Amino acid sequence: MQNYLSIGIGVVTIVPALFLFFKFRKFRKGNKLLKEDWTKDTVYLFQFYRLKCIPSISPFALKLETWLRFKEIEYESIEGTKFSRGGGQVPFVELNGEEIFDSNVIIPTLEKHFGIEEEPNHDEVTKGGAHAVMRMLDQHTVYSYFWYRYVEHWVDEFFPLWTFPIPGLLRVFLRKIQPRGMRRKGWAIGHGRLPTEQIYELGMADWKALSQFLGSKRFMCGDEMTTVDCCAFAHLCQILNIPLNHPFKPFILEQCPNLVQYVERIRNKLWSDWDELGRNGW
């Protein structure tokens, strides 16, 4: 009897959530554009709602918005809970009636579209190092702090910060299911097979490597800011600006102080409205 009861409760809980999920996917697939009254060559950036502590809880969205500001491209930020049709991802952009998703695809696509000149001419070693740094942050480092946010302390620390509008049933669904999804993804990638402390240690080794790569330079590649700085800034802000009790912030403050100064340098350069956005955030 107890087994049948458990199955019944599971069906009652999961079936409505799955119904909403697939209905949502079907709805998004059927829409050609979210911004139908678009203006030529304006980039419409779709991302999550802003919080009071940070413009975006997605490092990829913050990287992209920082890059748009850096390159002085006209854009409009559209906040909400919409995902891309093509990849089911956030962020994504719409440009001249077309959707582009994945920040590492969006940036080179926009560079080509707007005819943006190549960044300062660095030697091959510096260029290779910058590329490696971006891949390290986007494909490795991020999962160490995502593990803290979405697995170990999703319910007690990170999800309570999501005070922006989410339908009630979906909020319940997210609260229960998110850690399981991230655990499965971590297992597939590999880091999720390790003890939690080792996952965090791998992340801190990345922060130390980033600090060493920066050294005493103003920016990652020298005196001039480049795209890699948009990426590094976005990931560092996730650590330094979101109020969580993870081990990464004290590690950076104590072991990598040059990264703290570096973040402030970019924030002062490109985000003069940071505090204003926070006052209007959730």
C-alpha atoms as a PDB file:
ATOM      1  CA  MET A   1       0.000   0.000   0.000  1.00  0.00           C
ATOM      2  CA  GLN A   2       2.823   2.405   0.869  1.00  0.00           C
ATOM      3  CA  ASN A   3       4.489   1.789  -2.495  1.00  0.00           C
ATOM      4  CA  TYR A   4       1.242   2.506  -4.365  1.00  0.00           C
ATOM      5  CA  LEU A   5       0.778   5.679  -2.311  1.00  0.00           C
ATOM      6  CA  SER A   6       4.301   6.869  -3.161  1.00  0.00           C
ATOM      7  CA  ILE A   7       3.720   6.211  -6.852  1.00  0.00           C
ATOM      8  CA  GLY A   8       0.426   8.085  -6.730  1.00  0.00           C
ATOM      9  CA  ILE A   9       2.005  11.107  -5.068  1.00  0.00           C
ATOM     10  CA  GLY A  10       4.813  11.081  -7.631  1.00  0.00           C
ATOM     11  CA  VAL A  11       2.363  11.030 -10.535  1.00  0.00           C
ATOM     12  CA  VAL A  12       0.282  13.862  -9.062  1.00  0.00           C
ATOM     13  CA  THR A  13       3.416  15.967  -8.605  1.00  0.00           C
ATOM     14  CA  ILE A  14       5.310  15.253 -11.819  1.00  0.00           C
ATOM     15  CA  VAL A  15       2.566  14.975 -14.458  1.00  0.00           C
ATOM     16  CA  PRO A  16       1.304  18.593 -14.144  1.00  0.00           C
ATOM     17  CA  ALA A  17       4.880  19.867 -14.188  1.00  0.00           C
ATOM     18  CA  LEU A  18       5.698  17.848 -17.303  1.00  0.00           C
ATOM     19  CA  PHE A  19       2.495  19.083 -18.941  1.00  0.00           C
ATOM     20  CA  LEU A  20       3.498  22.696 -18.335  1.00  0.00           C
ATOM     21  CA  PHE A  21       7.039  22.016 -19.479  1.00  0.00           C
ATOM     22  CA  PHE A  22       6.039  20.514 -22.839  1.00  0.00           C
ATOM     23  CA  LYS A  23       3.278  23.058 -23.356  1.00  0.00           C
ATOM     24  CA  PHE A  24       5.850  25.808 -22.783  1.00  0.00           C
ATOM     25  CA  ARG A  25       8.268  24.206 -25.274  1.00  0.00           C
ATOM     26  CA  LYS A  26       5.520  23.857 -27.876  1.00  0.00           C
ATOM     27  CA  PHE A  27       4.505  27.478 -27.398  1.00  0.00           C
ATOM     28  CA  ARG A  28       8.072  28.706 -27.870  1.00  0.00           C
ATOM     29  CA  LYS A  29       8.584  26.529 -30.942  1.00  0.00           C
ATOM     30  CA  GLY A  30       5.504  28.033 -32.556  1.00  0.00           C
ATOM     31  CA  ASN A  31       6.588  31.666 -32.168  1.00  0.00           C
ATOM     32  CA  LYS A  32       8.848  33.101 -34.823  1.00  0.00           C
ATOM     33  CA  LEU A  33      10.038  36.056 -32.762  1.00  0.00           C
ATOM     34  CA  LEU A  34       9.655  37.406 -29.260  1.00  0.00           C
ATOM     35  CA  LYS A  35      10.465  40.942 -30.420  1.00  0.00           C
ATOM     36  CA  GLU A  36       8.274  41.454 -33.468  1.00  0.00           C
ATOM     37  CA  ASP A  37       8.566  45.253 -33.645  1.00  0.00           C
ATOM     38  CA  TRP A  38      12.357  45.170 -33.944  1.00  0.00           C
ATOM     39  CA  THR A  39      14.573  47.991 -35.141  1.00  0.00           C
ATOM     40  CA  LYS A  40      17.261  47.270 -37.701  1.00  0.00           C
ATOM     41  CA  ASP A  41      20.676  46.466 -36.194  1.00  0.00           C
ATOM     42  CA  THR A  42      19.464  46.732 -32.608  1.00  0.00           C
ATOM     43  CA  VAL A  43      20.457  43.669 -30.592  1.00  0.00           C
ATOM     44  CA  TYR A  44      17.663  42.390 -28.351  1.00  0.00           C
ATOM     45  CA  LEU A  45      19.273  40.563 -25.445  1.00  0.00           C
ATOM     46  CA  PHE A  46      17.009  38.100 -23.650  1.00  0.00           C
ATOM     47  CA  GLN A  47      18.087  37.196 -20.146  1.00  0.00           C
ATOM     48  CA  PHE A  48      16.779  36.454 -16.655  1.00  0.00           C
ATOM     49  CA  TYR A  49      15.384  39.176 -14.409  1.00  0.00           C
ATOM     50  CA  ARG A  50      17.970  41.379 -12.732  1.00  0.00           C
ATOM     51  CA  LEU A  51      18.600  40.982  -9.016  1.00  0.00           C
ATOM     52  CA  LYS A  52      19.491  43.772  -6.628  1.00  0.00           C
ATOM     53  CA  CYS A  53      22.979  42.360  -6.159  1.00  0.00           C
ATOM     54  CA  ILE A  54      23.896  41.694  -9.804  1.00  0.00           C
ATOM     55  CA  PRO A  55      22.579  42.519 -13.301  1.00  0.00           C
ATOM     56  CA  SER A  56      22.381  38.824 -14.210  1.00  0.00           C
ATOM     57  CA  ILE A  57      22.646  35.514 -12.349  1.00  0.00           C
ATOM     58  CA  SER A  58      23.879  33.991 -15.614  1.00  0.00           C
ATOM     59  CA  PRO A  59      27.613  34.524 -16.188  1.00  0.00           C
ATOM     60  CA  PHE A  60      27.013  34.016 -19.897  1.00  0.00           C
ATOM     61  CA  ALA A  61      24.397  36.758 -20.059  1.00  0.00           C
ATOM     62  CA  LEU A  62      26.584  39.129 -18.044  1.00  0.00           C
ATOM     63  CA  LYS A  63      29.532  38.337 -20.314  1.00  0.00           C
ATOM     64  CA  LEU A  64      27.464  39.136 -23.384  1.00  0.00           C
ATOM     65  CA  GLU A  65      25.984  42.352 -22.015  1.00  0.00           C
ATOM     66  CA  THR A  66      29.418  43.523 -20.883  1.00  0.00           C
ATOM     67  CA  TRP A  67      30.754  42.788 -24.365  1.00  0.00           C
ATOM     68  CA  LEU A  68      27.918  44.747 -26.010  1.00  0.00           C
ATOM     69  CA  ARG A  69      28.759  47.730 -23.831  1.00  0.00           C
ATOM     70  CA  PHE A  70      32.469  47.316 -24.487  1.00  0.00           C
ATOM     71  CA  LYS A  71      31.941  47.292 -28.259  1.00  0.00           C
ATOM     72  CA  GLU A  72      29.341  50.098 -28.029  1.00  0.00           C
ATOM     73  CA  ILE A  73      26.694  48.093 -29.877  1.00  0.00           C
ATOM     74  CA  GLU A  74      23.130  49.346 -29.552  1.00  0.00           C
ATOM     75  CA  TYR A  75      21.095  46.814 -27.606  1.00  0.00           C
ATOM     76  CA  GLU A  76      17.983  46.406 -25.511  1.00  0.00           C
ATOM     77  CA  SER A  77      17.860  44.101 -22.505  1.00  0.00           C
ATOM     78  CA  ILE A  78      14.641  42.119 -22.229  1.00  0.00           C
ATOM     79  CA  GLU A  79      14.374  40.370 -18.863  1.00  0.00           C
ATOM     80  CA  GLY A  80      12.121  37.449 -18.118  1.00  0.00           C
ATOM     81  CA  THR A  81      12.048  33.660 -18.170  1.00  0.00           C
ATOM     82  CA  LYS A  82      12.059  33.021 -21.912  1.00  0.00           C
ATOM     83  CA  PHE A  83      14.462  30.495 -23.418  1.00  0.00           C
ATOM     84  CA  SER A  84      15.783  30.316 -26.968  1.00  0.00           C
ATOM     85  CA  ARG A  85      13.838  28.265 -29.483  1.00  0.00           C
ATOM     86  CA  GLY A  86      16.961  26.786 -31.019  1.00  0.00           C
ATOM     87  CA  GLY A  87      18.791  25.576 -27.932  1.00  0.00           C
ATOM     88  CA  GLY A  88      16.532  26.174 -24.955  1.00  0.00           C
ATOM     89  CA  GLN A  89      19.210  28.489 -23.544  1.00  0.00           C
ATOM     90  CA  VAL A  90      19.619  31.830 -21.824  1.00  0.00           C
ATOM     91  CA  PRO A  91      20.979  34.234 -22.926  1.00  0.00           C
ATOM     92  CA  PHE A  92      20.028  34.538 -26.554  1.00  0.00           C
ATOM     93  CA  VAL A  93      19.589  37.489 -28.878  1.00  0.00           C
ATOM     94  CA  GLU A  94      17.366  38.495 -31.733  1.00  0.00           C
ATOM     95  CA  LEU A  95      18.914  40.611 -34.463  1.00  0.00           C
ATOM     96  CA  ASN A  96      17.087  41.791 -37.575  1.00  0.00           C
ATOM     97  CA  GLY A  97      14.432  39.125 -37.217  1.00  0.00           C
ATOM     98  CA  GLU A  98      16.744  36.196 -36.457  1.00  0.00           C
ATOM     99  CA  GLU A  99      17.523  34.354 -33.224  1.00  0.00           C
ATOM    100  CA  ILE A 100      21.098  33.565 -32.189  1.00  0.00           C
ATOM    101  CA  PHE A 101      21.878  31.527 -29.069  1.00  0.00           C
ATOM    102  CA  ASP A 102      24.999  30.553 -27.084  1.00  0.00           C
ATOM    103  CA  SER A 103      27.233  33.435 -26.039  1.00  0.00           C
ATOM    104  CA  ASN A 104      30.286  31.874 -27.691  1.00  0.00           C
ATOM    105  CA  VAL A 105      28.414  31.875 -30.998  1.00  0.00           C
ATOM    106  CA  ILE A 106      26.655  35.208 -30.523  1.00  0.00           C
ATOM    107  CA  ILE A 107      29.848  37.229 -30.073  1.00  0.00           C
ATOM    108  CA  PRO A 108      31.663  36.151 -33.268  1.00  0.00           C
ATOM    109  CA  THR A 109      28.381  36.410 -35.202  1.00  0.00           C
ATOM    110  CA  LEU A 110      27.907  39.995 -34.056  1.00  0.00           C
ATOM    111  CA  GLU A 111      31.549  40.800 -34.750  1.00  0.00           C
ATOM    112  CA  LYS A 112      31.066  39.695 -38.343  1.00  0.00           C
ATOM    113  CA  HIS A 113      27.707  41.432 -38.739  1.00  0.00           C
ATOM    114  CA  PHE A 114      28.878  44.800 -37.413  1.00  0.00           C
ATOM    115  CA  GLY A 115      32.312  44.600 -39.043  1.00  0.00           C
ATOM    116  CA  ILE A 116      34.113  44.941 -35.722  1.00  0.00           C
ATOM    117  CA  GLU A 117      37.846  45.195 -36.195  1.00  0.00           C
ATOM    118  CA  GLU A 118      40.188  42.691 -34.648  1.00  0.00           C
ATOM    119  CA  GLU A 119      41.296  43.456 -31.131  1.00  0.00           C
ATOM    120  CA  PRO A 120      44.796  44.768 -30.336  1.00  0.00           C
ATOM    121  CA  ASN A 121      47.494  42.789 -32.111  1.00  0.00           C
ATOM    122  CA  HIS A 122      48.968  40.453 -29.519  1.00  0.00           C
ATOM    123  CA  ASP A 123      51.507  37.721 -30.022  1.00  0.00           C
ATOM    124  CA  GLU A 124      50.297  34.186 -30.661  1.00  0.00           C
ATOM    125  CA  VAL A 125      51.038  33.064 -27.100  1.00  0.00           C
ATOM    126  CA  THR A 126      48.842  35.815 -25.628  1.00  0.00           C
ATOM    127  CA  LYS A 127      46.023  35.093 -28.068  1.00  0.00           C
ATOM    128  CA  GLY A 128      46.183  31.398 -27.282  1.00  0.00           C
ATOM    129  CA  GLY A 129      46.247  32.102 -23.565  1.00  0.00           C
ATOM    130  CA  ALA A 130      43.178  34.349 -23.792  1.00  0.00           C
ATOM    131  CA  HIS A 131      41.258  31.700 -25.715  1.00  0.00           C
ATOM    132  CA  ALA A 132      42.230  29.052 -23.160  1.00  0.00           C
ATOM    133  CA  VAL A 133      41.136  31.300 -20.277  1.00  0.00           C
ATOM    134  CA  MET A 134      37.686  31.774 -21.786  1.00  0.00           C
ATOM    135  CA  ARG A 135      37.232  28.050 -22.327  1.00  0.00           C
ATOM    136  CA  MET A 136      38.451  27.303 -18.802  1.00  0.00           C
ATOM    137  CA  LEU A 137      35.942  29.711 -17.282  1.00  0.00           C
ATOM    138  CA  ASP A 138      32.982  28.764 -19.490  1.00  0.00           C
ATOM    139  CA  GLN A 139      33.523  25.008 -19.584  1.00  0.00           C
ATOM    140  CA  HIS A 140      35.224  24.139 -16.293  1.00  0.00           C
ATOM    141  CA  THR A 141      35.357  26.818 -13.606  1.00  0.00           C
ATOM    142  CA  VAL A 142      31.660  27.608 -13.897  1.00  0.00           C
ATOM    143  CA  TYR A 143      30.652  24.084 -12.885  1.00  0.00           C
ATOM    144  CA  SER A 144      32.534  24.289  -9.606  1.00  0.00           C
ATOM    145  CA  TYR A 145      30.434  27.198  -8.379  1.00  0.00           C
ATOM    146  CA  PHE A 146      27.297  25.975 -10.136  1.00  0.00           C
ATOM    147  CA  TRP A 147      27.671  22.832  -8.037  1.00  0.00           C
ATOM    148  CA  TYR A 148      27.455  24.968  -4.908  1.00  0.00           C
ATOM    149  CA  ARG A 149      24.560  27.047  -6.261  1.00  0.00           C
ATOM    150  CA  TYR A 150      22.414  24.393  -7.867  1.00  0.00           C
ATOM    151  CA  VAL A 151      23.223  21.197  -5.943  1.00  0.00           C
ATOM    152  CA  GLU A 152      24.643  21.659  -2.454  1.00  0.00           C
ATOM    153  CA  HIS A 153      22.919  24.926  -1.513  1.00  0.00           C
ATOM    154  CA  TRP A 154      20.124  25.390  -4.028  1.00  0.00           C
ATOM    155  CA  VAL A 155      17.255  25.157  -1.555  1.00  0.00           C
ATOM    156  CA  ASP A 156      18.740  27.005   1.421  1.00  0.00           C
ATOM    157  CA  GLU A 157      20.784  29.748  -0.283  1.00  0.00           C
ATOM    158  CA  PHE A 158      20.477  30.317  -4.021  1.00  0.00           C
ATOM    159  CA  PHE A 159      16.849  29.632  -4.914  1.00  0.00           C
ATOM    160  CA  PRO A 160      15.561  32.001  -2.180  1.00  0.00           C
ATOM    161  CA  LEU A 161      17.259  34.806  -4.139  1.00  0.00           C
ATOM    162  CA  TRP A 162      14.968  34.073  -7.090  1.00  0.00           C
ATOM    163  CA  THR A 163      12.298  36.509  -5.949  1.00  0.00           C
ATOM    164  CA  PHE A 164      11.347  37.456  -9.502  1.00  0.00           C
ATOM    165  CA  PRO A 165       8.035  36.212 -10.969  1.00  0.00           C
ATOM    166  CA  ILE A 166       7.853  32.439 -11.519  1.00  0.00           C
ATOM    167  CA  PRO A 167       4.503  30.598 -11.811  1.00  0.00           C
ATOM    168  CA  GLY A 168       3.688  28.839  -8.536  1.00  0.00           C
ATOM    169  CA  LEU A 169       3.736  25.258  -9.812  1.00  0.00           C
ATOM    170  CA  LEU A 170       6.897  25.867 -11.806  1.00  0.00           C
ATOM    171  CA  ARG A 171       8.547  27.323  -8.692  1.00  0.00           C
ATOM    172  CA  VAL A 172       7.696  24.155  -6.752  1.00  0.00           C
ATOM    173  CA  PHE A 173       8.965  22.044  -9.643  1.00  0.00           C
ATOM    174  CA  LEU A 174      12.256  23.961  -9.838  1.00  0.00           C
ATOM    175  CA  ARG A 175      12.813  23.739  -6.097  1.00  0.00           C
ATOM    176  CA  LYS A 176      12.557  19.964  -6.196  1.00  0.00           C
ATOM    177  CA  ILE A 177      14.087  19.055  -9.555  1.00  0.00           C
ATOM    178  CA  GLN A 178      16.947  21.515 -10.174  1.00  0.00           C
ATOM    179  CA  PRO A 179      19.562  19.748  -7.976  1.00  0.00           C
ATOM    180  CA  ARG A 180      18.793  16.398  -9.602  1.00  0.00           C
ATOM    181  CA  GLY A 181      19.284  17.809 -13.074  1.00  0.00           C
ATOM    182  CA  MET A 182      22.611  19.400 -12.159  1.00  0.00           C
ATOM    183  CA  ARG A 183      23.792  16.176 -10.495  1.00  0.00           C
ATOM    184  CA  ARG A 184      23.039  14.242 -13.690  1.00  0.00           C
ATOM    185  CA  LYS A 185      24.823  16.838 -15.783  1.00  0.00           C
ATOM    186  CA  GLY A 186      27.797  16.799 -13.404  1.00  0.00           C
ATOM    187  CA  TRP A 187      27.985  13.014 -13.623  1.00  0.00           C
ATOM    188  CA  ALA A 188      27.959  13.171 -17.431  1.00  0.00           C
ATOM    189  CA  ILE A 189      30.635  15.872 -17.546  1.00  0.00           C
ATOM    190  CA  GLY A 190      32.743  14.133 -14.923  1.00  0.00           C
ATOM    191  CA  HIS A 191      33.196  16.559 -12.053  1.00  0.00           C
ATOM    192  CA  GLY A 192      29.988  15.339 -10.412  1.00  0.00           C
ATOM    193  CA  ARG A 193      31.646  11.995  -9.736  1.00  0.00           C
ATOM    194  CA  LEU A 194      34.091  13.646  -7.334  1.00  0.00           C
ATOM    195  CA  PRO A 195      33.666  14.503  -3.648  1.00  0.00           C
ATOM    196  CA  THR A 196      32.271  18.003  -3.173  1.00  0.00           C
ATOM    197  CA  GLU A 197      35.467  19.373  -1.638  1.00  0.00           C
ATOM    198  CA  GLN A 198      37.475  18.238  -4.655  1.00  0.00           C
ATOM    199  CA  ILE A 199      35.024  19.972  -6.987  1.00  0.00           C
ATOM    200  CA  TYR A 200      35.576  23.207  -5.066  1.00  0.00           C
ATOM    201  CA  GLU A 201      39.354  22.722  -5.005  1.00  0.00           C
ATOM    202  CA  LEU A 202      39.413  22.380  -8.782  1.00  0.00           C
ATOM    203  CA  GLY A 203      37.503  25.638  -9.061  1.00  0.00           C
ATOM    204  CA  MET A 204      39.859  27.470  -6.729  1.00  0.00           C
ATOM    205  CA  ALA A 205      42.825  26.212  -8.751  1.00  0.00           C
ATOM    206  CA  ASP A 206      41.212  27.884 -11.771  1.00  0.00           C
ATOM    207  CA  TRP A 207      40.811  31.186  -9.918  1.00  0.00           C
ATOM    208  CA  LYS A 208      44.457  31.027  -8.908  1.00  0.00           C
ATOM    209  CA  ALA A 209      45.482  30.360 -12.517  1.00  0.00           C
ATOM    210  CA  LEU A 210      43.381  33.334 -13.656  1.00  0.00           C
ATOM    211  CA  SER A 211      45.075  35.526 -11.062  1.00  0.00           C
ATOM    212  CA  GLN A 212      48.486  34.375 -12.251  1.00  0.00           C
ATOM    213  CA  PHE A 213      47.571  35.017 -15.884  1.00  0.00           C
ATOM    214  CA  LEU A 214      46.479  38.568 -15.026  1.00  0.00           C
ATOM    215  CA  GLY A 215      49.520  39.258 -12.864  1.00  0.00           C
ATOM    216  CA  SER A 216      50.187  42.983 -12.611  1.00  0.00           C
ATOM    217  CA  LYS A 217      48.551  43.843 -15.946  1.00  0.00           C
ATOM    218  CA  ARG A 218      45.527  46.113 -16.127  1.00  0.00           C
ATOM    219  CA  PHE A 219      43.638  43.615 -18.259  1.00  0.00           C
ATOM    220  CA  MET A 220      44.160  40.000 -19.209  1.00  0.00           C
ATOM    221  CA  CYS A 221      46.093  40.778 -22.391  1.00  0.00           C
ATOM    222  CA  GLY A 222      47.788  43.999 -21.360  1.00  0.00           C
ATOM    223  CA  ASP A 223      46.838  47.661 -21.123  1.00  0.00           C
ATOM    224  CA  GLU A 224      43.818  47.384 -23.423  1.00  0.00           C
ATOM    225  CA  MET A 225      40.593  45.549 -22.645  1.00  0.00           C
ATOM    226  CA  THR A 226      39.625  42.625 -24.911  1.00  0.00           C
ATOM    227  CA  THR A 227      36.813  40.079 -25.136  1.00  0.00           C
ATOM    228  CA  VAL A 228      38.419  37.722 -22.625  1.00  0.00           C
ATOM    229  CA  ASP A 229      37.977  40.448 -19.992  1.00  0.00           C
ATOM    230  CA  CYS A 230      34.206  40.446 -20.532  1.00  0.00           C
ATOM    231  CA  CYS A 231      34.217  36.725 -19.825  1.00  0.00           C
ATOM    232  CA  ALA A 232      36.455  36.894 -16.748  1.00  0.00           C
ATOM    233  CA  PHE A 233      34.532  39.850 -15.329  1.00  0.00           C
ATOM    234  CA  ALA A 234      31.194  38.067 -15.687  1.00  0.00           C
ATOM    235  CA  HIS A 235      32.324  34.930 -13.876  1.00  0.00           C
ATOM    236  CA  LEU A 236      34.104  36.846 -11.116  1.00  0.00           C
ATOM    237  CA  CYS A 237      30.992  38.939 -10.453  1.00  0.00           C
ATOM    238  CA  GLN A 238      29.031  35.732  -9.842  1.00  0.00           C
ATOM    239  CA  ILE A 239      31.437  35.012  -6.997  1.00  0.00           C
ATOM    240  CA  LEU A 240      32.035  38.483  -5.592  1.00  0.00           C
ATOM    241  CA  ASN A 241      28.553  40.021  -5.873  1.00  0.00           C
ATOM    242  CA  ILE A 242      26.003  37.289  -5.137  1.00  0.00           C
ATOM    243  CA  PRO A 243      25.584  36.817  -1.356  1.00  0.00           C
ATOM    244  CA  LEU A 244      26.336  33.103  -0.931  1.00  0.00           C
ATOM    245  CA  ASN A 245      28.464  31.354   1.686  1.00  0.00           C
ATOM    246  CA  HIS A 246      30.645  29.413  -0.735  1.00  0.00           C
ATOM    247  CA  PRO A 247      34.425  29.095  -0.255  1.00  0.00           C
ATOM    248  CA  PHE A 248      35.337  30.892  -3.481  1.00  0.00           C
ATOM    249  CA  LYS A 249      34.838  34.494  -2.368  1.00  0.00           C
ATOM    250  CA  PRO A 250      37.159  34.349   0.683  1.00  0.00           C
ATOM    251  CA  PHE A 251      39.685  32.462  -1.442  1.00  0.00           C
ATOM    252  CA  ILE A 252      39.729  35.205  -4.092  1.00  0.00           C
ATOM    253  CA  LEU A 253      39.812  37.997  -1.508  1.00  0.00           C
ATOM    254  CA  GLU A 254      42.756  36.422   0.312  1.00  0.00           C
ATOM    255  CA  GLN A 255      44.693  34.636  -2.431  1.00  0.00           C
ATOM    256  CA  CYS A 256      43.832  36.641  -5.566  1.00  0.00           C
ATOM    257  CA  PRO A 257      43.425  40.320  -4.607  1.00  0.00           C
ATOM    258  CA  ASN A 258      44.458  41.454  -8.090  1.00  0.00           C
ATOM    259  CA  LEU A 259      41.211  39.928  -9.409  1.00  0.00           C
ATOM    260  CA  VAL A 260      39.146  42.076  -7.027  1.00  0.00           C
ATOM    261  CA  GLN A 261      40.822  45.255  -8.269  1.00  0.00           C
ATOM    262  CA  TYR A 262      40.424  44.027 -11.840  1.00  0.00           C
ATOM    263  CA  VAL A 263      36.651  43.610 -11.432  1.00  0.00           C
ATOM    264  CA  GLU A 264      36.320  47.115 -10.035  1.00  0.00           C
ATOM    265  CA  ARG A 265      38.327  48.458 -12.983  1.00  0.00           C
ATOM    266  CA  ILE A 266      35.927  46.971 -15.537  1.00  0.00           C
ATOM    267  CA  ARG A 267      32.836  47.842 -13.539  1.00  0.00           C
ATOM    268  CA  ASN A 268      33.909  51.502 -13.361  1.00  0.00           C
ATOM    269  CA  LYS A 269      34.670  51.492 -17.076  1.00  0.00           C
ATOM    270  CA  LEU A 270      31.452  49.915 -18.408  1.00  0.00           C
ATOM    271  CA  TRP A 271      28.840  49.659 -15.650  1.00  0.00           C
ATOM    272  CA  SER A 272      28.263  53.169 -14.294  1.00  0.00           C
ATOM    273  CA  ASP A 273      24.577  52.215 -13.877  1.00  0.00           C
ATOM    274  CA  TRP A 274      25.302  49.072 -11.806  1.00  0.00           C
ATOM    275  CA  ASP A 275      23.807  50.497  -8.596  1.00  0.00           C
ATOM    276  CA  GLU A 276      20.805  51.929 -10.426  1.00  0.00           C
ATOM    277  CA  LEU A 277      20.060  48.551 -12.004  1.00  0.00           C
ATOM    278  CA  GLY A 278      20.282  47.033  -8.533  1.00  0.00           C
ATOM    279  CA  ARG A 279      17.730  49.468  -7.127  1.00  0.00           C
ATOM    280  CA  ASN A 280      15.321  48.413  -9.874  1.00  0.00           C
ATOM    281  CA  GLY A 281      16.123  44.704  -9.585  1.00  0.00           C
ATOM    282  CA  TRP A 282      14.298  41.981  -7.704  1.00  0.00           C
END
